């Protein structure tokens, strides 16, 4: 069974330096700390129609793998991502 997760995120207002740092740290996270078993399906800037700055979609084969990933993701981005909202589904 494959689980899909749409993770909406809200970013606080960042200075140009903070914006640059956040982008570098996100790329570093994806390249060096992204856990096996979590597939990044896509990243999307803007989430028109709702109050979030963007979202990304991931897939995993089990919920425990997602929870480990999510904890790591939030620890890494907590300084600039103020809020997230996650929608979960099961792939047909």
PDB file of N, CA and C in Angstrom:
ATOM      1  N   UNK A   1       0.848  -1.171   0.000  1.00  0.00           N
ATOM      2  CA  UNK A   1       0.000   0.000   0.000  1.00  0.00           C
ATOM      3  C   UNK A   1       0.898   1.240   0.000  1.00  0.00           C
ATOM      4  N   UNK A   2       0.556   2.200  -0.847  1.00  0.00           N
ATOM      5  CA  UNK A   2       1.287   3.461  -0.907  1.00  0.00           C
ATOM      6  C   UNK A   2       0.417   4.569  -0.338  1.00  0.00           C
ATOM      7  N   UNK A   3       0.995   5.319   0.577  1.00  0.00           N
ATOM      8  CA  UNK A   3       0.317   6.463   1.186  1.00  0.00           C
ATOM      9  C   UNK A   3       0.844   7.746   0.558  1.00  0.00           C
ATOM     10  N   UNK A   4      -0.044   8.671   0.275  1.00  0.00           N
ATOM     11  CA  UNK A   4       0.343   9.976  -0.241  1.00  0.00           C
ATOM     12  C   UNK A   4       0.044  11.052   0.781  1.00  0.00           C
ATOM     13  N   UNK A   5       0.925  12.046   0.834  1.00  0.00           N
ATOM     14  CA  UNK A   5       0.772  13.140   1.792  1.00  0.00           C
ATOM     15  C   UNK A   5       0.979  14.465   1.069  1.00  0.00           C
ATOM     16  N   UNK A   6      -0.006  15.336   1.166  1.00  0.00           N
ATOM     17  CA  UNK A   6       0.119  16.704   0.677  1.00  0.00           C
ATOM     18  C   UNK A   6       0.388  17.555   1.905  1.00  0.00           C
ATOM     19  N   UNK A   7       1.539  18.212   1.927  1.00  0.00           N
ATOM     20  CA  UNK A   7       1.944  19.005   3.091  1.00  0.00           C
ATOM     21  C   UNK A   7       1.953  20.481   2.695  1.00  0.00           C
ATOM     22  N   UNK A   8       0.972  21.212   3.188  1.00  0.00           N
ATOM     23  CA  UNK A   8       0.916  22.655   2.980  1.00  0.00           C
ATOM     24  C   UNK A   8       1.772  23.315   4.050  1.00  0.00           C
ATOM     25  N   UNK A   9       2.438  24.416   3.688  1.00  0.00           N
ATOM     26  CA  UNK A   9       3.272  25.109   4.674  1.00  0.00           C
ATOM     27  C   UNK A   9       3.095  26.618   4.565  1.00  0.00           C
ATOM     28  N   UNK A  10       3.245  27.263   5.714  1.00  0.00           N
ATOM     29  CA  UNK A  10       3.210  28.722   5.806  1.00  0.00           C
ATOM     30  C   UNK A  10       4.567  29.175   6.330  1.00  0.00           C
ATOM     31  N   UNK A  11       5.167  30.110   5.617  1.00  0.00           N
ATOM     32  CA  UNK A  11       6.494  30.623   5.962  1.00  0.00           C
ATOM     33  C   UNK A  11       6.340  32.029   6.534  1.00  0.00           C
ATOM     34  N   UNK A  12       7.054  32.294   7.603  1.00  0.00           N
ATOM     35  CA  UNK A  12       7.024  33.651   8.164  1.00  0.00           C
ATOM     36  C   UNK A  12       7.753  34.596   7.205  1.00  0.00           C
ATOM     37  N   UNK A  13       7.577  35.879   7.397  1.00  0.00           N
ATOM     38  CA  UNK A  13       8.270  36.849   6.559  1.00  0.00           C
ATOM     39  C   UNK A  13       9.769  36.747   6.832  1.00  0.00           C
ATOM     40  N   UNK A  14      10.544  36.642   5.753  1.00  0.00           N
ATOM     41  CA  UNK A  14      11.989  36.452   5.874  1.00  0.00           C
ATOM     42  C   UNK A  14      12.740  37.614   5.248  1.00  0.00           C
ATOM     43  N   UNK A  15      13.871  37.955   5.839  1.00  0.00           N
ATOM     44  CA  UNK A  15      14.764  38.935   5.228  1.00  0.00           C
ATOM     45  C   UNK A  15      15.405  38.273   4.005  1.00  0.00           C
ATOM     46  N   UNK A  16      16.001  39.050   3.108  1.00  0.00           N
ATOM     47  CA  UNK A  16      16.671  38.435   1.957  1.00  0.00           C
ATOM     48  C   UNK A  16      17.734  37.407   2.369  1.00  0.00           C
ATOM     49  N   UNK A  17      18.477  37.689   3.423  1.00  0.00           N
ATOM     50  CA  UNK A  17      19.498  36.746   3.909  1.00  0.00           C
ATOM     51  C   UNK A  17      18.856  35.468   4.441  1.00  0.00           C
ATOM     52  N   UNK A  18      17.786  35.624   5.224  1.00  0.00           N
ATOM     53  CA  UNK A  18      17.085  34.450   5.755  1.00  0.00           C
ATOM     54  C   UNK A  18      16.477  33.615   4.630  1.00  0.00           C
ATOM     55  N   UNK A  19      15.959  34.278   3.608  1.00  0.00           N
ATOM     56  CA  UNK A  19      15.381  33.567   2.470  1.00  0.00           C
ATOM     57  C   UNK A  19      16.451  32.738   1.768  1.00  0.00           C
ATOM     58  N   UNK A  20      17.600  33.340   1.553  1.00  0.00           N
ATOM     59  CA  UNK A  20      18.720  32.624   0.936  1.00  0.00           C
ATOM     60  C   UNK A  20      19.145  31.435   1.803  1.00  0.00           C
ATOM     61  N   UNK A  21      19.270  31.657   3.107  1.00  0.00           N
ATOM     62  CA  UNK A  21      19.652  30.576   4.030  1.00  0.00           C
ATOM     63  C   UNK A  21      18.628  29.448   4.031  1.00  0.00           C
ATOM     64  N   UNK A  22      17.348  29.805   4.036  1.00  0.00           N
ATOM     65  CA  UNK A  22      16.306  28.770   4.074  1.00  0.00           C
ATOM     66  C   UNK A  22      16.343  27.916   2.812  1.00  0.00           C
ATOM     67  N   UNK A  23      16.574  28.531   1.668  1.00  0.00           N
ATOM     68  CA  UNK A  23      16.650  27.766   0.412  1.00  0.00           C
ATOM     69  C   UNK A  23      17.847  26.823   0.413  1.00  0.00           C
ATOM     70  N   UNK A  24      18.995  27.311   0.872  1.00  0.00           N
ATOM     71  CA  UNK A  24      20.194  26.467   0.934  1.00  0.00           C
ATOM     72  C   UNK A  24      19.995  25.304   1.899  1.00  0.00           C
ATOM     73  N   UNK A  25      19.426  25.592   3.057  1.00  0.00           N
ATOM     74  CA  UNK A  25      19.220  24.536   4.056  1.00  0.00           C
ATOM     75  C   UNK A  25      18.191  23.515   3.585  1.00  0.00           C
ATOM     76  N   UNK A  26      17.171  23.956   2.853  1.00  0.00           N
ATOM     77  CA  UNK A  26      16.177  23.019   2.323  1.00  0.00           C
ATOM     78  C   UNK A  26      16.820  22.094   1.285  1.00  0.00           C
ATOM     79  N   UNK A  27      17.630  22.651   0.404  1.00  0.00           N
ATOM     80  CA  UNK A  27      18.321  21.825  -0.591  1.00  0.00           C
ATOM     81  C   UNK A  27      19.271  20.849   0.095  1.00  0.00           C
ATOM     82  N   UNK A  28      19.967  21.307   1.124  1.00  0.00           N
ATOM     83  CA  UNK A  28      20.861  20.433   1.887  1.00  0.00           C
ATOM     84  C   UNK A  28      20.071  19.302   2.552  1.00  0.00           C
ATOM     85  N   UNK A  29      18.926  19.631   3.119  1.00  0.00           N
ATOM     86  CA  UNK A  29      18.072  18.621   3.747  1.00  0.00           C
ATOM     87  C   UNK A  29      17.660  17.565   2.722  1.00  0.00           C
ATOM     88  N   UNK A  30      17.232  18.016   1.548  1.00  0.00           N
ATOM     89  CA  UNK A  30      16.787  17.066   0.524  1.00  0.00           C
ATOM     90  C   UNK A  30      17.931  16.177   0.043  1.00  0.00           C
ATOM     91  N   UNK A  31      19.117  16.737  -0.097  1.00  0.00           N
ATOM     92  CA  UNK A  31      20.248  15.966  -0.625  1.00  0.00           C
ATOM     93  C   UNK A  31      20.901  15.066   0.412  1.00  0.00           C
ATOM     94  N   UNK A  32      20.996  15.518   1.656  1.00  0.00           N
ATOM     95  CA  UNK A  32      21.792  14.793   2.651  1.00  0.00           C
ATOM     96  C   UNK A  32      20.984  14.114   3.749  1.00  0.00           C
ATOM     97  N   UNK A  33      19.783  14.589   4.016  1.00  0.00           N
ATOM     98  CA  UNK A  33      19.038  14.080   5.169  1.00  0.00           C
ATOM     99  C   UNK A  33      17.691  13.459   4.801  1.00  0.00           C
ATOM    100  N   UNK A  34      17.363  13.460   3.522  1.00  0.00           N
ATOM    101  CA  UNK A  34      16.073  12.913   3.111  1.00  0.00           C
ATOM    102  C   UNK A  34      16.067  11.420   3.372  1.00  0.00           C
ATOM    103  N   UNK A  35      15.079  10.913   4.095  1.00  0.00           N
ATOM    104  CA  UNK A  35      15.094   9.497   4.468  1.00  0.00           C
ATOM    105  C   UNK A  35      14.726   8.570   3.309  1.00  0.00           C
ATOM    106  N   UNK A  36      15.325   7.401   3.341  1.00  0.00           N
ATOM    107  CA  UNK A  36      14.951   6.373   2.375  1.00  0.00           C
ATOM    108  C   UNK A  36      13.523   5.957   2.678  1.00  0.00           C
ATOM    109  N   UNK A  37      12.805   5.614   1.649  1.00  0.00           N
ATOM    110  CA  UNK A  37      11.428   5.192   1.836  1.00  0.00           C
ATOM    111  C   UNK A  37      10.415   6.310   1.714  1.00  0.00           C
ATOM    112  N   UNK A  38      10.893   7.545   1.525  1.00  0.00           N
ATOM    113  CA  UNK A  38       9.996   8.682   1.324  1.00  0.00           C
ATOM    114  C   UNK A  38      10.313   9.276  -0.045  1.00  0.00           C
ATOM    115  N   UNK A  39       9.354   9.199  -0.942  1.00  0.00           N
ATOM    116  CA  UNK A  39       9.533   9.712  -2.305  1.00  0.00           C
ATOM    117  C   UNK A  39       8.943  11.114  -2.390  1.00  0.00           C
ATOM    118  N   UNK A  40       9.765  12.068  -2.839  1.00  0.00           N
ATOM    119  CA  UNK A  40       9.284  13.425  -3.079  1.00  0.00           C
ATOM    120  C   UNK A  40       8.663  13.450  -4.475  1.00  0.00           C
ATOM    121  N   UNK A  41       7.351  13.580  -4.532  1.00  0.00           N
ATOM    122  CA  UNK A  41       6.632  13.558  -5.805  1.00  0.00           C
ATOM    123  C   UNK A  41       6.700  14.919  -6.480  1.00  0.00           C
ATOM    124  N   UNK A  42       6.597  15.997  -5.695  1.00  0.00           N
ATOM    125  CA  UNK A  42       6.653  17.329  -6.276  1.00  0.00           C
ATOM    126  C   UNK A  42       6.666  18.414  -5.222  1.00  0.00           C
ATOM    127  N   UNK A  43       7.227  19.563  -5.619  1.00  0.00           N
ATOM    128  CA  UNK A  43       7.254  20.760  -4.773  1.00  0.00           C
ATOM    129  C   UNK A  43       6.550  21.875  -5.531  1.00  0.00           C
ATOM    130  N   UNK A  44       5.726  22.636  -4.846  1.00  0.00           N
ATOM    131  CA  UNK A  44       4.907  23.641  -5.505  1.00  0.00           C
ATOM    132  C   UNK A  44       4.958  24.950  -4.731  1.00  0.00           C
ATOM    133  N   UNK A  45       5.347  26.023  -5.424  1.00  0.00           N
ATOM    134  CA  UNK A  45       5.288  27.353  -4.835  1.00  0.00           C
ATOM    135  C   UNK A  45       3.854  27.844  -4.952  1.00  0.00           C
ATOM    136  N   UNK A  46       3.413  28.515  -3.953  1.00  0.00           N
ATOM    137  CA  UNK A  46       2.075  29.098  -3.884  1.00  0.00           C
ATOM    138  C   UNK A  46       1.023  28.003  -3.710  1.00  0.00           C
ATOM    139  N   UNK A  47       0.025  28.334  -2.986  1.00  0.00           N
ATOM    140  CA  UNK A  47      -1.138  27.469  -2.809  1.00  0.00           C
ATOM    141  C   UNK A  47      -2.347  28.394  -2.931  1.00  0.00           C
ATOM    142  N   UNK A  48      -2.655  28.748  -4.157  1.00  0.00           N
ATOM    143  CA  UNK A  48      -3.705  29.728  -4.416  1.00  0.00           C
ATOM    144  C   UNK A  48      -5.036  29.257  -3.846  1.00  0.00           C
ATOM    145  N   UNK A  49      -5.745  30.167  -3.227  1.00  0.00           N
ATOM    146  CA  UNK A  49      -7.062  29.867  -2.681  1.00  0.00           C
ATOM    147  C   UNK A  49      -7.059  29.537  -1.198  1.00  0.00           C
ATOM    148  N   UNK A  50      -5.883  29.347  -0.624  1.00  0.00           N
ATOM    149  CA  UNK A  50      -5.776  29.103   0.818  1.00  0.00           C
ATOM    150  C   UNK A  50      -4.616  29.926   1.351  1.00  0.00           C
ATOM    151  N   UNK A  51      -4.468  30.019   2.644  1.00  0.00           N
ATOM    152  CA  UNK A  51      -3.477  30.899   3.251  1.00  0.00           C
ATOM    153  C   UNK A  51      -2.105  30.285   3.467  1.00  0.00           C
ATOM    154  N   UNK A  52      -1.674  29.427   2.570  1.00  0.00           N
ATOM    155  CA  UNK A  52      -0.348  28.818   2.698  1.00  0.00           C
ATOM    156  C   UNK A  52       0.540  29.293   1.560  1.00  0.00           C
ATOM    157  N   UNK A  53       1.855  29.281   1.798  1.00  0.00           N
ATOM    158  CA  UNK A  53       2.809  29.749   0.800  1.00  0.00           C
ATOM    159  C   UNK A  53       3.094  28.717  -0.286  1.00  0.00           C
ATOM    160  N   UNK A  54       2.883  27.458   0.021  1.00  0.00           N
ATOM    161  CA  UNK A  54       3.162  26.406  -0.946  1.00  0.00           C
ATOM    162  C   UNK A  54       2.892  25.051  -0.341  1.00  0.00           C
ATOM    163  N   UNK A  55       3.266  24.020  -1.097  1.00  0.00           N
ATOM    164  CA  UNK A  55       3.062  22.657  -0.613  1.00  0.00           C
ATOM    165  C   UNK A  55       3.982  21.708  -1.355  1.00  0.00           C
ATOM    166  N   UNK A  56       4.137  20.535  -0.793  1.00  0.00           N
ATOM    167  CA  UNK A  56       4.835  19.470  -1.496  1.00  0.00           C
ATOM    168  C   UNK A  56       4.112  18.161  -1.244  1.00  0.00           C
ATOM    169  N   UNK A  57       4.385  17.196  -2.106  1.00  0.00           N
ATOM    170  CA  UNK A  57       3.709  15.906  -2.057  1.00  0.00           C
ATOM    171  C   UNK A  57       4.763  14.825  -1.898  1.00  0.00           C
ATOM    172  N   UNK A  58       4.542  13.934  -0.939  1.00  0.00           N
ATOM    173  CA  UNK A  58       5.440  12.794  -0.735  1.00  0.00           C
ATOM    174  C   UNK A  58       4.617  11.512  -0.697  1.00  0.00           C
ATOM    175  N   UNK A  59       5.305  10.397  -0.957  1.00  0.00           N
ATOM    176  CA  UNK A  59       4.693   9.078  -0.849  1.00  0.00           C
ATOM    177  C   UNK A  59       5.576   8.180   0.001  1.00  0.00           C
ATOM    178  N   UNK A  60       4.947   7.306   0.762  1.00  0.00           N
ATOM    179  CA  UNK A  60       5.651   6.292   1.549  1.00  0.00           C
ATOM    180  C   UNK A  60       4.823   5.009   1.519  1.00  0.00           C
ATOM    181  N   UNK A  61       5.451   3.930   1.932  1.00  0.00           N
ATOM    182  CA  UNK A  61       4.735   2.656   1.993  1.00  0.00           C
ATOM    183  C   UNK A  61       4.098   2.395   3.350  1.00  0.00           C
ATOM    184  N   UNK A  62       4.465   3.206   4.342  1.00  0.00           N
ATOM    185  CA  UNK A  62       3.854   3.019   5.662  1.00  0.00           C
ATOM    186  C   UNK A  62       3.868   4.334   6.434  1.00  0.00           C
ATOM    187  N   UNK A  63       2.958   4.429   7.367  1.00  0.00           N
ATOM    188  CA  UNK A  63       2.768   5.663   8.122  1.00  0.00           C
ATOM    189  C   UNK A  63       3.954   5.959   9.044  1.00  0.00           C
ATOM    190  N   UNK A  64       4.561   4.932   9.598  1.00  0.00           N
ATOM    191  CA  UNK A  64       5.694   5.135  10.506  1.00  0.00           C
ATOM    192  C   UNK A  64       6.851   5.841   9.798  1.00  0.00           C
ATOM    193  N   UNK A  65       7.118   5.455   8.554  1.00  0.00           N
ATOM    194  CA  UNK A  65       8.176   6.105   7.778  1.00  0.00           C
ATOM    195  C   UNK A  65       7.860   7.584   7.598  1.00  0.00           C
ATOM    196  N   UNK A  66       6.594   7.889   7.304  1.00  0.00           N
ATOM    197  CA  UNK A  66       6.204   9.285   7.158  1.00  0.00           C
ATOM    198  C   UNK A  66       6.406  10.057   8.458  1.00  0.00           C
ATOM    199  N   UNK A  67       5.998   9.478   9.576  1.00  0.00           N
ATOM    200  CA  UNK A  67       6.130  10.176  10.860  1.00  0.00           C
ATOM    201  C   UNK A  67       7.582  10.493  11.186  1.00  0.00           C
ATOM    202  N   UNK A  68       8.485   9.570  10.913  1.00  0.00           N
ATOM    203  CA  UNK A  68       9.915   9.830  11.137  1.00  0.00           C
ATOM    204  C   UNK A  68      10.389  10.964  10.233  1.00  0.00           C
ATOM    205  N   UNK A  69       9.970  10.924   8.968  1.00  0.00           N
ATOM    206  CA  UNK A  69      10.321  11.992   8.036  1.00  0.00           C
ATOM    207  C   UNK A  69       9.769  13.331   8.522  1.00  0.00           C
ATOM    208  N   UNK A  70       8.500  13.351   8.908  1.00  0.00           N
ATOM    209  CA  UNK A  70       7.848  14.599   9.286  1.00  0.00           C
ATOM    210  C   UNK A  70       8.524  15.237  10.501  1.00  0.00           C
ATOM    211  N   UNK A  71       8.886  14.429  11.478  1.00  0.00           N
ATOM    212  CA  UNK A  71       9.608  14.955  12.646  1.00  0.00           C
ATOM    213  C   UNK A  71      10.916  15.617  12.223  1.00  0.00           C
ATOM    214  N   UNK A  72      11.647  14.965  11.351  1.00  0.00           N
ATOM    215  CA  UNK A  72      12.917  15.506  10.870  1.00  0.00           C
ATOM    216  C   UNK A  72      12.688  16.788  10.068  1.00  0.00           C
ATOM    217  N   UNK A  73      11.698  16.776   9.196  1.00  0.00           N
ATOM    218  CA  UNK A  73      11.345  17.950   8.396  1.00  0.00           C
ATOM    219  C   UNK A  73      11.010  19.136   9.297  1.00  0.00           C
ATOM    220  N   UNK A  74      10.175  18.928  10.306  1.00  0.00           N
ATOM    221  CA  UNK A  74       9.788  20.030  11.184  1.00  0.00           C
ATOM    222  C   UNK A  74      10.959  20.518  12.030  1.00  0.00           C
ATOM    223  N   UNK A  75      11.794  19.618  12.500  1.00  0.00           N
ATOM    224  CA  UNK A  75      12.977  20.040  13.253  1.00  0.00           C
ATOM    225  C   UNK A  75      13.875  20.917  12.390  1.00  0.00           C
ATOM    226  N   UNK A  76      13.974  20.584  11.122  1.00  0.00           N
ATOM    227  CA  UNK A  76      14.858  21.307  10.208  1.00  0.00           C
ATOM    228  C   UNK A  76      14.282  22.657   9.775  1.00  0.00           C
ATOM    229  N   UNK A  77      12.967  22.777   9.691  1.00  0.00           N
ATOM    230  CA  UNK A  77      12.353  23.986   9.129  1.00  0.00           C
ATOM    231  C   UNK A  77      11.603  24.841  10.144  1.00  0.00           C
ATOM    232  N   UNK A  78      11.589  24.426  11.380  1.00  0.00           N
ATOM    233  CA  UNK A  78      10.778  25.117  12.397  1.00  0.00           C
ATOM    234  C   UNK A  78      11.111  26.610  12.522  1.00  0.00           C
ATOM    235  N   UNK A  79      12.355  27.013  12.265  1.00  0.00           N
ATOM    236  CA  UNK A  79      12.744  28.406  12.439  1.00  0.00           C
ATOM    237  C   UNK A  79      12.088  29.337  11.419  1.00  0.00           C
ATOM    238  N   UNK A  80      11.582  28.811  10.299  1.00  0.00           N
ATOM    239  CA  UNK A  80      10.928  29.693   9.338  1.00  0.00           C
ATOM    240  C   UNK A  80       9.559  29.201   8.857  1.00  0.00           C
ATOM    241  N   UNK A  81       9.241  27.938   9.022  1.00  0.00           N
ATOM    242  CA  UNK A  81       7.909  27.432   8.676  1.00  0.00           C
ATOM    243  C   UNK A  81       7.056  27.501   9.940  1.00  0.00           C
ATOM    244  N   UNK A  82       6.079  28.396   9.921  1.00  0.00           N
ATOM    245  CA  UNK A  82       5.288  28.634  11.130  1.00  0.00           C
ATOM    246  C   UNK A  82       4.131  27.664  11.294  1.00  0.00           C
ATOM    247  N   UNK A  83       3.682  27.081  10.188  1.00  0.00           N
ATOM    248  CA  UNK A  83       2.514  26.202  10.268  1.00  0.00           C
ATOM    249  C   UNK A  83       2.504  25.241   9.090  1.00  0.00           C
ATOM    250  N   UNK A  84       2.009  24.045   9.332  1.00  0.00           N
ATOM    251  CA  UNK A  84       1.782  23.078   8.256  1.00  0.00           C
ATOM    252  C   UNK A  84       0.391  22.479   8.403  1.00  0.00           C
ATOM    253  N   UNK A  85      -0.095  21.947   7.316  1.00  0.00           N
ATOM    254  CA  UNK A  85      -1.359  21.206   7.306  1.00  0.00           C
ATOM    255  C   UNK A  85      -1.146  20.047   6.342  1.00  0.00           C
ATOM    256  N   UNK A  86      -1.500  18.852   6.761  1.00  0.00           N
ATOM    257  CA  UNK A  86      -1.232  17.662   5.961  1.00  0.00           C
ATOM    258  C   UNK A  86      -2.528  16.937   5.615  1.00  0.00           C
ATOM    259  N   UNK A  87      -2.618  16.538   4.353  1.00  0.00           N
ATOM    260  CA  UNK A  87      -3.726  15.717   3.871  1.00  0.00           C
ATOM    261  C   UNK A  87      -3.136  14.368   3.487  1.00  0.00           C
ATOM    262  N   UNK A  88      -3.775  13.306   3.922  1.00  0.00           N
ATOM    263  CA  UNK A  88      -3.279  11.953   3.695  1.00  0.00           C
ATOM    264  C   UNK A  88      -4.252  11.181   2.814  1.00  0.00           C
ATOM    265  N   UNK A  89      -3.700  10.364   1.923  1.00  0.00           N
ATOM    266  CA  UNK A  89      -4.539   9.514   1.090  1.00  0.00           C
ATOM    267  C   UNK A  89      -3.843   8.195   0.800  1.00  0.00           C
ATOM    268  N   UNK A  90      -4.616   7.235   0.307  1.00  0.00           N
ATOM    269  CA  UNK A  90      -4.094   5.926  -0.075  1.00  0.00           C
ATOM    270  C   UNK A  90      -4.145   5.835  -1.597  1.00  0.00           C
ATOM    271  N   UNK A  91      -3.010   5.480  -2.216  1.00  0.00           N
ATOM    272  CA  UNK A  91      -2.928   5.383  -3.669  1.00  0.00           C
ATOM    273  C   UNK A  91      -3.721   4.179  -4.163  1.00  0.00           C
ATOM    274  N   UNK A  92      -4.418   4.361  -5.245  1.00  0.00           N
ATOM    275  CA  UNK A  92      -5.188   3.256  -5.837  1.00  0.00           C
ATOM    276  C   UNK A  92      -4.284   2.331  -6.595  1.00  0.00           C
TER     277      UNK A  92
END
